[in-house]
N, C-alpha and C. Protein backbone atom coordinates (compact mmCIF):
# COMPACT_ATOMS: atom_id res chain seq x y z
N MET A 1 46.95 54.83 3.49
CA MET A 1 47.25 53.99 2.36
C MET A 1 48.12 54.77 1.38
N SER A 2 49.18 54.18 0.87
CA SER A 2 50.09 54.87 -0.02
C SER A 2 49.48 55.03 -1.40
N ASN A 3 50.00 56.00 -2.17
CA ASN A 3 49.53 56.20 -3.54
C ASN A 3 49.81 54.99 -4.39
N HIS A 4 50.95 54.33 -4.16
CA HIS A 4 51.30 53.14 -4.93
C HIS A 4 50.28 52.03 -4.68
N HIS A 5 49.91 51.83 -3.41
CA HIS A 5 48.93 50.79 -3.08
C HIS A 5 47.58 51.10 -3.71
N THR A 6 47.16 52.36 -3.65
CA THR A 6 45.89 52.77 -4.26
C THR A 6 45.95 52.56 -5.76
N SER A 7 47.06 52.93 -6.38
CA SER A 7 47.22 52.76 -7.82
C SER A 7 47.14 51.30 -8.22
N CYS A 8 47.78 50.43 -7.47
CA CYS A 8 47.74 48.99 -7.76
C CYS A 8 46.33 48.44 -7.61
N ARG A 9 45.63 48.88 -6.55
CA ARG A 9 44.26 48.42 -6.33
C ARG A 9 43.35 48.88 -7.47
N ASN A 10 43.51 50.14 -7.92
CA ASN A 10 42.70 50.66 -9.02
C ASN A 10 42.98 49.91 -10.31
N LYS A 11 44.25 49.62 -10.56
CA LYS A 11 44.60 48.87 -11.76
C LYS A 11 43.99 47.48 -11.69
N THR A 12 44.03 46.87 -10.53
CA THR A 12 43.44 45.54 -10.36
C THR A 12 41.94 45.59 -10.60
N ASN A 13 41.27 46.61 -10.07
CA ASN A 13 39.83 46.73 -10.25
C ASN A 13 39.47 46.77 -11.72
N MET A 14 40.11 47.65 -12.48
CA MET A 14 39.79 47.78 -13.90
C MET A 14 40.25 46.54 -14.67
N TYR A 15 41.40 46.00 -14.32
CA TYR A 15 41.89 44.78 -14.97
C TYR A 15 40.91 43.63 -14.75
N ASP A 16 40.44 43.49 -13.53
CA ASP A 16 39.48 42.42 -13.23
C ASP A 16 38.18 42.61 -14.00
N TYR A 17 37.73 43.85 -14.13
CA TYR A 17 36.50 44.13 -14.88
C TYR A 17 36.68 43.77 -16.35
N ILE A 18 37.79 44.16 -16.92
CA ILE A 18 38.07 43.85 -18.33
C ILE A 18 38.14 42.35 -18.54
N ASN A 19 38.80 41.65 -17.63
CA ASN A 19 38.87 40.18 -17.73
C ASN A 19 37.50 39.54 -17.57
N PHE A 20 36.69 40.04 -16.65
CA PHE A 20 35.33 39.55 -16.46
C PHE A 20 34.54 39.66 -17.75
N LEU A 21 34.73 40.76 -18.47
CA LEU A 21 34.01 40.98 -19.72
C LEU A 21 34.56 40.16 -20.87
N GLY A 22 35.77 39.63 -20.72
CA GLY A 22 36.37 38.84 -21.79
C GLY A 22 36.83 39.68 -22.97
N ILE A 23 37.23 40.90 -22.69
CA ILE A 23 37.66 41.82 -23.75
C ILE A 23 39.00 41.37 -24.31
N ARG A 24 39.05 41.25 -25.62
CA ARG A 24 40.32 40.93 -26.28
C ARG A 24 41.23 42.15 -26.21
N ASN A 25 42.51 41.92 -26.34
CA ASN A 25 43.49 43.00 -26.27
C ASN A 25 43.32 43.78 -24.96
N SER A 26 43.21 43.03 -23.88
CA SER A 26 42.91 43.61 -22.58
C SER A 26 43.98 44.58 -22.09
N GLU A 27 45.23 44.32 -22.38
CA GLU A 27 46.30 45.22 -21.91
C GLU A 27 46.19 46.59 -22.58
N TYR A 28 45.89 46.61 -23.88
CA TYR A 28 45.71 47.87 -24.59
C TYR A 28 44.52 48.64 -24.00
N THR A 29 43.41 47.93 -23.80
CA THR A 29 42.21 48.56 -23.25
C THR A 29 42.50 49.11 -21.86
N LEU A 30 43.18 48.34 -21.03
CA LEU A 30 43.53 48.79 -19.68
C LEU A 30 44.42 50.03 -19.73
N MET A 31 45.40 50.03 -20.61
CA MET A 31 46.31 51.16 -20.74
C MET A 31 45.54 52.43 -21.12
N ILE A 32 44.64 52.32 -22.08
CA ILE A 32 43.84 53.47 -22.52
C ILE A 32 42.98 53.99 -21.37
N LEU A 33 42.30 53.09 -20.69
CA LEU A 33 41.40 53.50 -19.61
C LEU A 33 42.14 54.14 -18.45
N LEU A 34 43.21 53.51 -17.99
CA LEU A 34 43.97 54.07 -16.86
C LEU A 34 44.61 55.40 -17.21
N ALA A 35 45.12 55.52 -18.43
CA ALA A 35 45.76 56.77 -18.86
C ALA A 35 44.76 57.93 -18.91
N ASN A 36 43.48 57.59 -19.01
CA ASN A 36 42.45 58.62 -19.09
C ASN A 36 41.61 58.73 -17.82
N GLY A 37 42.13 58.17 -16.73
CA GLY A 37 41.51 58.36 -15.42
C GLY A 37 40.38 57.41 -15.07
N PHE A 38 40.21 56.35 -15.84
CA PHE A 38 39.17 55.37 -15.54
C PHE A 38 39.77 54.28 -14.66
N HIS A 39 39.62 54.42 -13.36
CA HIS A 39 40.21 53.48 -12.42
C HIS A 39 39.19 52.54 -11.78
N LEU A 40 37.92 52.90 -11.88
CA LEU A 40 36.86 52.09 -11.27
C LEU A 40 35.79 51.78 -12.31
N HIS A 41 35.33 50.55 -12.32
CA HIS A 41 34.30 50.17 -13.28
C HIS A 41 33.00 50.94 -13.07
N GLU A 42 32.78 51.42 -11.84
CA GLU A 42 31.56 52.15 -11.51
C GLU A 42 31.40 53.44 -12.32
N LEU A 43 32.49 53.97 -12.84
CA LEU A 43 32.41 55.19 -13.64
C LEU A 43 31.52 55.00 -14.87
N PHE A 44 31.43 53.78 -15.36
CA PHE A 44 30.66 53.52 -16.58
C PHE A 44 29.15 53.53 -16.36
N LYS A 45 28.71 53.68 -15.12
CA LYS A 45 27.28 53.81 -14.88
C LYS A 45 26.87 55.26 -14.63
N SER A 46 27.82 56.16 -14.70
CA SER A 46 27.54 57.58 -14.49
C SER A 46 26.76 58.16 -15.67
N PRO A 47 25.63 58.81 -15.39
CA PRO A 47 24.86 59.43 -16.48
C PRO A 47 25.60 60.61 -17.11
N ALA A 48 26.62 61.11 -16.44
CA ALA A 48 27.39 62.24 -16.97
C ALA A 48 28.44 61.80 -17.98
N LEU A 49 28.68 60.50 -18.09
CA LEU A 49 29.70 59.98 -19.00
C LEU A 49 29.06 59.50 -20.29
N SER A 50 29.48 60.06 -21.39
CA SER A 50 28.94 59.72 -22.70
C SER A 50 29.74 58.59 -23.34
N ARG A 51 29.02 57.66 -23.94
CA ARG A 51 29.69 56.58 -24.66
C ARG A 51 30.56 57.12 -25.78
N SER A 52 30.10 58.17 -26.43
CA SER A 52 30.87 58.73 -27.55
C SER A 52 32.21 59.28 -27.08
N VAL A 53 32.25 59.84 -25.89
CA VAL A 53 33.52 60.36 -25.34
C VAL A 53 34.49 59.21 -25.11
N VAL A 54 34.02 58.12 -24.55
CA VAL A 54 34.87 56.96 -24.31
C VAL A 54 35.30 56.35 -25.64
N ARG A 55 34.40 56.34 -26.59
CA ARG A 55 34.71 55.81 -27.93
C ARG A 55 35.85 56.60 -28.57
N GLU A 56 35.87 57.91 -28.34
CA GLU A 56 36.91 58.77 -28.92
C GLU A 56 38.30 58.50 -28.36
N LEU A 57 38.39 57.73 -27.29
CA LEU A 57 39.69 57.38 -26.72
C LEU A 57 40.41 56.34 -27.58
N GLY A 58 39.70 55.78 -28.56
CA GLY A 58 40.31 54.80 -29.45
C GLY A 58 39.85 53.38 -29.20
N LEU A 59 38.82 53.22 -28.39
CA LEU A 59 38.27 51.89 -28.12
C LEU A 59 37.19 51.58 -29.14
N THR A 60 37.02 50.31 -29.44
CA THR A 60 36.00 49.92 -30.41
C THR A 60 34.61 50.09 -29.83
N LEU A 61 33.63 50.17 -30.71
CA LEU A 61 32.24 50.30 -30.27
C LEU A 61 31.83 49.11 -29.41
N GLY A 62 32.29 47.92 -29.77
CA GLY A 62 31.97 46.73 -29.00
C GLY A 62 32.52 46.79 -27.59
N VAL A 63 33.75 47.23 -27.44
CA VAL A 63 34.37 47.35 -26.12
C VAL A 63 33.64 48.39 -25.28
N VAL A 64 33.34 49.53 -25.87
CA VAL A 64 32.64 50.59 -25.15
C VAL A 64 31.27 50.10 -24.69
N THR A 65 30.57 49.40 -25.57
CA THR A 65 29.26 48.87 -25.22
C THR A 65 29.36 47.89 -24.06
N MET A 66 30.36 47.02 -24.10
CA MET A 66 30.55 46.06 -23.02
C MET A 66 30.85 46.76 -21.70
N LEU A 67 31.70 47.78 -21.73
CA LEU A 67 32.08 48.50 -20.52
C LEU A 67 30.86 49.15 -19.86
N PHE A 68 29.99 49.75 -20.67
CA PHE A 68 28.83 50.45 -20.13
C PHE A 68 27.69 49.52 -19.74
N SER A 69 27.55 48.41 -20.42
CA SER A 69 26.36 47.56 -20.27
C SER A 69 26.47 46.50 -19.18
N ASN A 70 27.62 46.34 -18.58
CA ASN A 70 27.81 45.21 -17.66
C ASN A 70 28.19 45.58 -16.24
N VAL A 71 28.04 46.84 -15.87
CA VAL A 71 28.41 47.27 -14.51
C VAL A 71 27.57 46.54 -13.47
N ALA A 72 26.26 46.50 -13.66
CA ALA A 72 25.38 45.84 -12.68
C ALA A 72 25.67 44.35 -12.58
N ARG A 73 25.91 43.73 -13.73
CA ARG A 73 26.22 42.30 -13.73
C ARG A 73 27.54 42.03 -13.00
N TYR A 74 28.54 42.90 -13.19
CA TYR A 74 29.83 42.73 -12.51
C TYR A 74 29.68 42.96 -11.01
N ASN A 75 28.89 43.96 -10.62
CA ASN A 75 28.64 44.19 -9.20
C ASN A 75 27.97 42.99 -8.56
N GLN A 76 27.03 42.39 -9.26
CA GLN A 76 26.37 41.19 -8.76
C GLN A 76 27.38 40.05 -8.60
N TYR A 77 28.26 39.91 -9.57
CA TYR A 77 29.32 38.90 -9.50
C TYR A 77 30.22 39.14 -8.28
N LEU A 78 30.61 40.40 -8.07
CA LEU A 78 31.46 40.72 -6.91
C LEU A 78 30.76 40.41 -5.60
N ARG A 79 29.47 40.73 -5.51
CA ARG A 79 28.71 40.42 -4.29
C ARG A 79 28.66 38.92 -4.06
N SER A 80 28.47 38.14 -5.12
CA SER A 80 28.41 36.69 -4.96
C SER A 80 29.76 36.13 -4.54
N GLN A 81 30.85 36.72 -5.03
CA GLN A 81 32.19 36.29 -4.63
C GLN A 81 32.44 36.62 -3.17
N LYS A 82 32.01 37.80 -2.75
CA LYS A 82 32.20 38.22 -1.36
C LYS A 82 31.37 37.35 -0.42
N ALA A 83 30.16 37.01 -0.82
CA ALA A 83 29.28 36.17 0.00
C ALA A 83 29.86 34.77 0.17
N GLY A 84 30.59 34.30 -0.83
CA GLY A 84 31.17 32.97 -0.77
C GLY A 84 32.52 32.92 -0.09
N SER A 85 33.10 34.10 0.20
CA SER A 85 34.41 34.12 0.85
C SER A 85 34.25 34.02 2.36
N PRO A 86 35.29 33.59 3.05
CA PRO A 86 35.22 33.51 4.52
C PRO A 86 34.88 34.86 5.15
N GLU A 87 35.38 35.98 4.58
CA GLU A 87 35.09 37.30 5.14
C GLU A 87 33.62 37.64 4.94
N GLY A 88 33.03 37.22 3.82
CA GLY A 88 31.64 37.54 3.54
C GLY A 88 30.66 36.71 4.34
N LEU A 89 31.12 35.63 4.96
CA LEU A 89 30.24 34.76 5.72
C LEU A 89 30.12 35.19 7.18
N GLN A 90 30.92 36.14 7.59
CA GLN A 90 30.90 36.58 8.99
C GLN A 90 29.73 37.48 9.26
């Protein structure tokens, strides 16, 4: 897989997560996260990642709270989407 393809997939993953959360100013949030190496929503469930560190990137407390608090809910949503797709029914 090429680096470009991986980069596009990572951007889509984080973009989809931000859209799922309904975060306003999503492009700014995406730019900040990608520029700081946050390519997968799963990073926000890591016990090694501090909310205060993410907050220092310039994101609001509300956005940071949403990013950290909804990983399980988003994973459940993704599983339900996969189960409903033709690939998930096989």
